[in-house]
Amino acid sequence: AITAYWNNVKGVNSDIWKLLCAYFVSSMAMTPILFYFTDFCGESIYGGSADSSDKHLTQLYHDGVHFGALLLALLNLIVFLLSLVMPTLQRTIPLTRLYLAAHIIGAVGFALALFNSRGAAVGVVLLAAVLSAVFNTVPFALLKRYIDDGQNNGFIIGIANIMQVNGQIVSNLLHGVVAEWSASAGIAMGSVFAVVGIPLILMLREKRRDTTAAEQ
């Protein structure tokens, strides 16, 4: 079993490993907003505190969490709407450029958290939705192009899932340190990861689809 696993690892080509590294960083970038956005709204935007003995501060925190939850619902709605046009975008825009643009947009969006306002929070969600929609589709479209004949598709998808989960774990660990200093910085941390992903995406090869095989 170990030998078979190692042979599968050795069979993964360099294009796939580069993509998986970029996907790992993308997961790190998306984690703070998905896990901690409501906490950010409660503390940094509404000025509340979940642990305070002051009922007013506690109520402010809960109001902020409610506001953040509504914005996350908006984020999911935007991602749904973008998913409807994503196939068209993937046919008209090179996948690597689409992935790169989403990371740039996400980096700008997450940085808006530093402004600590409701408008900034809305901006974070609107721009993060773009990265989320691309993050959940484009890497797999690229992966399909990079996989060679005879490679273990299930094994490669499994590695992609491991990369995503480990990206979340590492991001959570780092967020725990940063958020102790500032909840808004904890969200803006996603901007740093989005920027780190840019050179990794630039290393990706835009491999065209085999249209002949598709037509047959």
C-alpha atoms as a PDB file:
ATOM      1  CA  ALA A   1       0.000   0.000   0.000  1.00  0.00           C
ATOM      2  CA  ILE A   2       2.826   2.381   0.872  1.00  0.00           C
ATOM      3  CA  THR A   3       4.604   1.561  -2.383  1.00  0.00           C
ATOM      4  CA  ALA A   4       1.450   2.200  -4.401  1.00  0.00           C
ATOM      5  CA  TYR A   5       0.928   5.506  -2.592  1.00  0.00           C
ATOM      6  CA  TRP A   6       4.507   6.600  -3.253  1.00  0.00           C
ATOM      7  CA  ASN A   7       4.229   5.653  -6.923  1.00  0.00           C
ATOM      8  CA  ASN A   8       1.098   7.788  -7.204  1.00  0.00           C
ATOM      9  CA  VAL A   9       2.922  10.711  -5.600  1.00  0.00           C
ATOM     10  CA  LYS A  10       5.834  10.374  -8.016  1.00  0.00           C
ATOM     11  CA  GLY A  11       3.385  10.223 -10.916  1.00  0.00           C
ATOM     12  CA  VAL A  12       1.937  13.671 -10.199  1.00  0.00           C
ATOM     13  CA  ASN A  13       3.411  16.120 -12.716  1.00  0.00           C
ATOM     14  CA  SER A  14       4.912  19.513 -11.865  1.00  0.00           C
ATOM     15  CA  ASP A  15       1.949  21.470 -13.257  1.00  0.00           C
ATOM     16  CA  ILE A  16      -0.346  19.791 -10.748  1.00  0.00           C
ATOM     17  CA  TRP A  17       1.998  20.387  -7.813  1.00  0.00           C
ATOM     18  CA  LYS A  18       2.231  24.104  -8.687  1.00  0.00           C
ATOM     19  CA  LEU A  19      -1.547  24.308  -8.911  1.00  0.00           C
ATOM     20  CA  LEU A  20      -1.995  22.506  -5.595  1.00  0.00           C
ATOM     21  CA  CYS A  21       0.384  24.946  -3.905  1.00  0.00           C
ATOM     22  CA  ALA A  22      -1.631  27.866  -5.263  1.00  0.00           C
ATOM     23  CA  TYR A  23      -4.834  26.161  -4.132  1.00  0.00           C
ATOM     24  CA  PHE A  24      -3.362  25.708  -0.642  1.00  0.00           C
ATOM     25  CA  VAL A  25      -2.704  29.454  -0.383  1.00  0.00           C
ATOM     26  CA  SER A  26      -6.153  30.260  -1.800  1.00  0.00           C
ATOM     27  CA  SER A  27      -7.663  28.187   0.986  1.00  0.00           C
ATOM     28  CA  MET A  28      -5.615  30.128   3.526  1.00  0.00           C
ATOM     29  CA  ALA A  29      -6.887  33.412   2.058  1.00  0.00           C
ATOM     30  CA  MET A  30     -10.564  32.416   2.183  1.00  0.00           C
ATOM     31  CA  THR A  31     -10.507  30.925   5.695  1.00  0.00           C
ATOM     32  CA  PRO A  32     -10.597  34.103   7.845  1.00  0.00           C
ATOM     33  CA  ILE A  33     -13.768  35.507   6.287  1.00  0.00           C
ATOM     34  CA  LEU A  34     -15.569  32.167   6.336  1.00  0.00           C
ATOM     35  CA  PHE A  35     -14.705  31.404   9.963  1.00  0.00           C
ATOM     36  CA  TYR A  36     -14.395  34.767  11.711  1.00  0.00           C
ATOM     37  CA  PHE A  37     -16.303  37.426   9.770  1.00  0.00           C
ATOM     38  CA  THR A  38     -19.212  37.659  12.219  1.00  0.00           C
ATOM     39  CA  ASP A  39     -16.794  38.020  15.127  1.00  0.00           C
ATOM     40  CA  PHE A  40     -15.045  40.818  13.224  1.00  0.00           C
ATOM     41  CA  CYS A  41     -18.381  42.624  12.703  1.00  0.00           C
ATOM     42  CA  GLY A  42     -19.322  42.250  16.354  1.00  0.00           C
ATOM     43  CA  GLU A  43     -16.017  43.507  17.730  1.00  0.00           C
ATOM     44  CA  SER A  44     -14.440  45.864  15.204  1.00  0.00           C
ATOM     45  CA  ILE A  45     -17.487  47.352  13.481  1.00  0.00           C
ATOM     46  CA  TYR A  46     -20.073  47.438  16.264  1.00  0.00           C
ATOM     47  CA  GLY A  47     -17.568  47.807  19.095  1.00  0.00           C
ATOM     48  CA  GLY A  48     -19.095  45.042  21.164  1.00  0.00           C
ATOM     49  CA  SER A  49     -17.610  42.275  23.252  1.00  0.00           C
ATOM     50  CA  ALA A  50     -18.798  38.715  23.661  1.00  0.00           C
ATOM     51  CA  ASP A  51     -17.125  38.289  27.051  1.00  0.00           C
ATOM     52  CA  SER A  52     -17.971  41.618  28.638  1.00  0.00           C
ATOM     53  CA  SER A  53     -20.089  41.861  31.772  1.00  0.00           C
ATOM     54  CA  ASP A  54     -21.530  45.062  30.320  1.00  0.00           C
ATOM     55  CA  LYS A  55     -24.870  44.117  28.753  1.00  0.00           C
ATOM     56  CA  HIS A  56     -24.654  47.031  26.344  1.00  0.00           C
ATOM     57  CA  LEU A  57     -21.356  45.794  24.913  1.00  0.00           C
ATOM     58  CA  THR A  58     -22.728  42.273  24.730  1.00  0.00           C
ATOM     59  CA  GLN A  59     -25.783  43.500  22.827  1.00  0.00           C
ATOM     60  CA  LEU A  60     -23.602  45.466  20.437  1.00  0.00           C
ATOM     61  CA  TYR A  61     -21.602  42.318  19.777  1.00  0.00           C
ATOM     62  CA  HIS A  62     -24.735  40.294  19.044  1.00  0.00           C
ATOM     63  CA  ASP A  63     -26.029  43.033  16.734  1.00  0.00           C
ATOM     64  CA  GLY A  64     -22.710  42.940  14.900  1.00  0.00           C
ATOM     65  CA  VAL A  65     -22.818  39.158  14.591  1.00  0.00           C
ATOM     66  CA  HIS A  66     -26.329  39.416  13.139  1.00  0.00           C
ATOM     67  CA  PHE A  67     -25.125  42.020  10.643  1.00  0.00           C
ATOM     68  CA  GLY A  68     -22.159  39.822   9.707  1.00  0.00           C
ATOM     69  CA  ALA A  69     -24.387  36.783   9.237  1.00  0.00           C
ATOM     70  CA  LEU A  70     -26.570  38.730   6.810  1.00  0.00           C
ATOM     71  CA  LEU A  71     -23.498  39.760   4.859  1.00  0.00           C
ATOM     72  CA  LEU A  72     -22.297  36.162   4.689  1.00  0.00           C
ATOM     73  CA  ALA A  73     -25.706  35.237   3.302  1.00  0.00           C
ATOM     74  CA  LEU A  74     -25.173  37.960   0.700  1.00  0.00           C
ATOM     75  CA  LEU A  75     -21.740  36.503  -0.076  1.00  0.00           C
ATOM     76  CA  ASN A  76     -23.269  33.078  -0.734  1.00  0.00           C
ATOM     77  CA  LEU A  77     -25.952  34.613  -2.929  1.00  0.00           C
ATOM     78  CA  ILE A  78     -23.334  36.417  -5.017  1.00  0.00           C
ATOM     79  CA  VAL A  79     -21.272  33.243  -5.318  1.00  0.00           C
ATOM     80  CA  PHE A  80     -24.391  31.421  -6.524  1.00  0.00           C
ATOM     81  CA  LEU A  81     -25.070  34.094  -9.159  1.00  0.00           C
ATOM     82  CA  LEU A  82     -21.436  34.090 -10.278  1.00  0.00           C
ATOM     83  CA  SER A  83     -21.523  30.307 -10.584  1.00  0.00           C
ATOM     84  CA  LEU A  84     -24.203  30.712 -13.253  1.00  0.00           C
ATOM     85  CA  VAL A  85     -21.851  32.699 -15.472  1.00  0.00           C
ATOM     86  CA  MET A  86     -18.637  30.930 -14.470  1.00  0.00           C
ATOM     87  CA  PRO A  87     -18.774  28.381 -17.340  1.00  0.00           C
ATOM     88  CA  THR A  88     -19.013  31.252 -19.826  1.00  0.00           C
ATOM     89  CA  LEU A  89     -16.170  33.115 -18.151  1.00  0.00           C
ATOM     90  CA  GLN A  90     -14.005  30.008 -18.226  1.00  0.00           C
ATOM     91  CA  ARG A  91     -14.598  29.630 -21.968  1.00  0.00           C
ATOM     92  CA  THR A  92     -13.811  33.265 -22.782  1.00  0.00           C
ATOM     93  CA  ILE A  93     -11.034  34.114 -20.298  1.00  0.00           C
ATOM     94  CA  PRO A  94      -7.847  32.053 -19.872  1.00  0.00           C
ATOM     95  CA  LEU A  95      -8.186  30.133 -16.619  1.00  0.00           C
ATOM     96  CA  THR A  96      -4.879  31.261 -15.162  1.00  0.00           C
ATOM     97  CA  ARG A  97      -5.783  34.921 -15.803  1.00  0.00           C
ATOM     98  CA  LEU A  98      -9.193  34.409 -14.220  1.00  0.00           C
ATOM     99  CA  TYR A  99      -7.569  32.820 -11.174  1.00  0.00           C
ATOM    100  CA  LEU A 100      -5.002  35.642 -10.977  1.00  0.00           C
ATOM    101  CA  ALA A 101      -7.643  38.372 -11.264  1.00  0.00           C
ATOM    102  CA  ALA A 102      -9.703  36.752  -8.499  1.00  0.00           C
ATOM    103  CA  HIS A 103      -6.692  36.742  -6.162  1.00  0.00           C
ATOM    104  CA  ILE A 104      -5.997  40.415  -6.843  1.00  0.00           C
ATOM    105  CA  ILE A 105      -9.650  41.295  -6.230  1.00  0.00           C
ATOM    106  CA  GLY A 106      -9.677  39.202  -3.060  1.00  0.00           C
ATOM    107  CA  ALA A 107      -6.505  40.858  -1.784  1.00  0.00           C
ATOM    108  CA  VAL A 108      -8.095  44.288  -2.164  1.00  0.00           C
ATOM    109  CA  GLY A 109     -11.342  43.101  -0.594  1.00  0.00           C
ATOM    110  CA  PHE A 110      -9.818  41.582   2.528  1.00  0.00           C
ATOM    111  CA  ALA A 111      -7.689  44.693   3.109  1.00  0.00           C
ATOM    112  CA  LEU A 112     -10.884  46.769   3.362  1.00  0.00           C
ATOM    113  CA  ALA A 113     -11.482  45.166   6.752  1.00  0.00           C
ATOM    114  CA  LEU A 114      -8.887  47.530   8.193  1.00  0.00           C
ATOM    115  CA  PHE A 115     -11.296  50.469   7.746  1.00  0.00           C
ATOM    116  CA  ASN A 116     -13.678  49.119  10.431  1.00  0.00           C
ATOM    117  CA  SER A 117     -16.938  50.396   8.951  1.00  0.00           C
ATOM    118  CA  ARG A 118     -20.164  48.859   7.699  1.00  0.00           C
ATOM    119  CA  GLY A 119     -19.411  50.027   4.175  1.00  0.00           C
ATOM    120  CA  ALA A 120     -15.988  48.411   4.331  1.00  0.00           C
ATOM    121  CA  ALA A 121     -17.566  45.165   5.558  1.00  0.00           C
ATOM    122  CA  VAL A 122     -19.920  45.184   2.580  1.00  0.00           C
ATOM    123  CA  GLY A 123     -16.949  45.794   0.301  1.00  0.00           C
ATOM    124  CA  VAL A 124     -15.081  42.863   1.861  1.00  0.00           C
ATOM    125  CA  VAL A 125     -18.008  40.560   1.122  1.00  0.00           C
ATOM    126  CA  LEU A 126     -18.582  41.778  -2.440  1.00  0.00           C
ATOM    127  CA  LEU A 127     -14.958  41.311  -3.467  1.00  0.00           C
ATOM    128  CA  ALA A 128     -14.392  38.136  -1.463  1.00  0.00           C
ATOM    129  CA  ALA A 129     -17.361  36.583  -3.265  1.00  0.00           C
ATOM    130  CA  VAL A 130     -15.434  36.837  -6.525  1.00  0.00           C
ATOM    131  CA  LEU A 131     -12.462  34.950  -5.100  1.00  0.00           C
ATOM    132  CA  SER A 132     -14.769  32.377  -3.522  1.00  0.00           C
ATOM    133  CA  ALA A 133     -16.564  31.672  -6.804  1.00  0.00           C
ATOM    134  CA  VAL A 134     -13.288  31.265  -8.685  1.00  0.00           C
ATOM    135  CA  PHE A 135     -11.538  29.364  -5.877  1.00  0.00           C
ATOM    136  CA  ASN A 136     -14.239  26.682  -5.915  1.00  0.00           C
ATOM    137  CA  THR A 137     -14.209  26.130  -9.687  1.00  0.00           C
ATOM    138  CA  VAL A 138     -11.170  27.294 -11.650  1.00  0.00           C
ATOM    139  CA  PRO A 139      -8.491  25.222  -9.858  1.00  0.00           C
ATOM    140  CA  PHE A 140     -10.460  22.063 -10.672  1.00  0.00           C
ATOM    141  CA  ALA A 141     -10.904  23.116 -14.295  1.00  0.00           C
ATOM    142  CA  LEU A 142      -7.133  23.580 -14.491  1.00  0.00           C
ATOM    143  CA  LEU A 143      -6.591  20.294 -12.721  1.00  0.00           C
ATOM    144  CA  LYS A 144      -8.621  18.510 -15.373  1.00  0.00           C
ATOM    145  CA  ARG A 145      -6.328  19.920 -18.054  1.00  0.00           C
ATOM    146  CA  TYR A 146      -3.153  19.075 -16.146  1.00  0.00           C
ATOM    147  CA  ILE A 147      -3.966  15.439 -15.391  1.00  0.00           C
ATOM    148  CA  ASP A 148      -2.217  13.127 -17.816  1.00  0.00           C
ATOM    149  CA  ASP A 149      -3.682   9.947 -19.221  1.00  0.00           C
ATOM    150  CA  GLY A 150      -3.208   7.041 -16.848  1.00  0.00           C
ATOM    151  CA  GLN A 151      -2.891   9.157 -13.714  1.00  0.00           C
ATOM    152  CA  ASN A 152      -4.987   8.307 -10.676  1.00  0.00           C
ATOM    153  CA  ASN A 153      -7.644  11.026 -10.775  1.00  0.00           C
ATOM    154  CA  GLY A 154      -9.123  10.107  -7.392  1.00  0.00           C
ATOM    155  CA  PHE A 155      -5.702  10.250  -5.759  1.00  0.00           C
ATOM    156  CA  ILE A 156      -5.037  13.746  -7.141  1.00  0.00           C
ATOM    157  CA  ILE A 157      -8.444  15.039  -6.055  1.00  0.00           C
ATOM    158  CA  GLY A 158      -7.687  13.595  -2.626  1.00  0.00           C
ATOM    159  CA  ILE A 159      -4.449  15.586  -2.469  1.00  0.00           C
ATOM    160  CA  ALA A 160      -6.386  18.711  -3.479  1.00  0.00           C
ATOM    161  CA  ASN A 161      -8.781  18.143  -0.577  1.00  0.00           C
ATOM    162  CA  ILE A 162      -5.836  17.684   1.778  1.00  0.00           C
ATOM    163  CA  MET A 163      -4.345  20.947   0.542  1.00  0.00           C
ATOM    164  CA  GLN A 164      -7.605  22.783   1.163  1.00  0.00           C
ATOM    165  CA  VAL A 165      -8.053  21.434   4.687  1.00  0.00           C
ATOM    166  CA  ASN A 166      -4.420  22.004   5.636  1.00  0.00           C
ATOM    167  CA  GLY A 167      -4.668  25.543   4.274  1.00  0.00           C
ATOM    168  CA  GLN A 168      -7.593  26.132   6.618  1.00  0.00           C
ATOM    169  CA  ILE A 169      -5.690  24.641   9.558  1.00  0.00           C
ATOM    170  CA  VAL A 170      -2.589  26.798   9.009  1.00  0.00           C
ATOM    171  CA  SER A 171      -4.703  29.908   8.441  1.00  0.00           C
ATOM    172  CA  ASN A 172      -6.668  29.234  11.628  1.00  0.00           C
ATOM    173  CA  LEU A 173      -3.475  28.870  13.643  1.00  0.00           C
ATOM    174  CA  LEU A 174      -2.094  32.156  12.328  1.00  0.00           C
ATOM    175  CA  HIS A 175      -5.433  33.905  12.756  1.00  0.00           C
ATOM    176  CA  GLY A 176      -5.511  32.920  16.411  1.00  0.00           C
ATOM    177  CA  VAL A 177      -2.322  34.927  16.921  1.00  0.00           C
ATOM    178  CA  VAL A 178      -3.259  37.945  14.794  1.00  0.00           C
ATOM    179  CA  ALA A 179      -6.869  38.243  16.014  1.00  0.00           C
ATOM    180  CA  GLU A 180      -5.650  38.556  19.612  1.00  0.00           C
ATOM    181  CA  TRP A 181      -4.251  41.885  18.522  1.00  0.00           C
ATOM    182  CA  SER A 182      -7.062  42.989  16.210  1.00  0.00           C
ATOM    183  CA  ALA A 183     -10.174  41.287  14.807  1.00  0.00           C
ATOM    184  CA  SER A 184     -10.009  43.446  11.691  1.00  0.00           C
ATOM    185  CA  ALA A 185      -6.368  42.462  11.138  1.00  0.00           C
ATOM    186  CA  GLY A 186      -7.478  38.847  11.400  1.00  0.00           C
ATOM    187  CA  ILE A 187      -9.746  39.318   8.374  1.00  0.00           C
ATOM    188  CA  ALA A 188      -7.217  41.473   6.529  1.00  0.00           C
ATOM    189  CA  MET A 189      -4.735  38.615   6.960  1.00  0.00           C
ATOM    190  CA  GLY A 190      -6.558  36.990   4.042  1.00  0.00           C
ATOM    191  CA  SER A 191      -5.189  39.791   1.875  1.00  0.00           C
ATOM    192  CA  VAL A 192      -1.621  38.733   2.691  1.00  0.00           C
ATOM    193  CA  PHE A 193      -2.328  35.157   1.661  1.00  0.00           C
ATOM    194  CA  ALA A 194      -4.076  36.306  -1.514  1.00  0.00           C
ATOM    195  CA  VAL A 195      -0.979  38.320  -2.447  1.00  0.00           C
ATOM    196  CA  VAL A 196       1.300  35.352  -1.684  1.00  0.00           C
ATOM    197  CA  GLY A 197      -0.781  33.305  -4.102  1.00  0.00           C
ATOM    198  CA  ILE A 198      -0.223  35.717  -6.996  1.00  0.00           C
ATOM    199  CA  PRO A 199       3.344  34.612  -7.908  1.00  0.00           C
ATOM    200  CA  LEU A 200       2.280  30.980  -7.526  1.00  0.00           C
ATOM    201  CA  ILE A 201      -0.553  31.505 -10.005  1.00  0.00           C
ATOM    202  CA  LEU A 202       1.813  33.292 -12.393  1.00  0.00           C
ATOM    203  CA  MET A 203       3.848  30.076 -12.493  1.00  0.00           C
ATOM    204  CA  LEU A 204       0.864  28.092 -13.778  1.00  0.00           C
ATOM    205  CA  ARG A 205       0.782  27.036 -17.405  1.00  0.00           C
ATOM    206  CA  GLU A 206      -2.305  27.828 -19.466  1.00  0.00           C
ATOM    207  CA  LYS A 207      -2.827  24.413 -20.974  1.00  0.00           C
ATOM    208  CA  ARG A 208      -5.523  24.398 -23.635  1.00  0.00           C
ATOM    209  CA  ARG A 209      -8.365  21.929 -23.685  1.00  0.00           C
ATOM    210  CA  ASP A 210      -8.245  19.036 -26.136  1.00  0.00           C
ATOM    211  CA  THR A 211     -11.158  20.254 -28.231  1.00  0.00           C
ATOM    212  CA  THR A 212     -10.762  17.440 -30.708  1.00  0.00           C
ATOM    213  CA  ALA A 213     -11.324  14.835 -28.042  1.00  0.00           C
ATOM    214  CA  ALA A 214     -14.228  16.839 -26.657  1.00  0.00           C
ATOM    215  CA  GLU A 215     -15.921  16.973 -30.057  1.00  0.00           C
ATOM    216  CA  GLN A 216     -15.523  13.254 -30.574  1.00  0.00           C
END
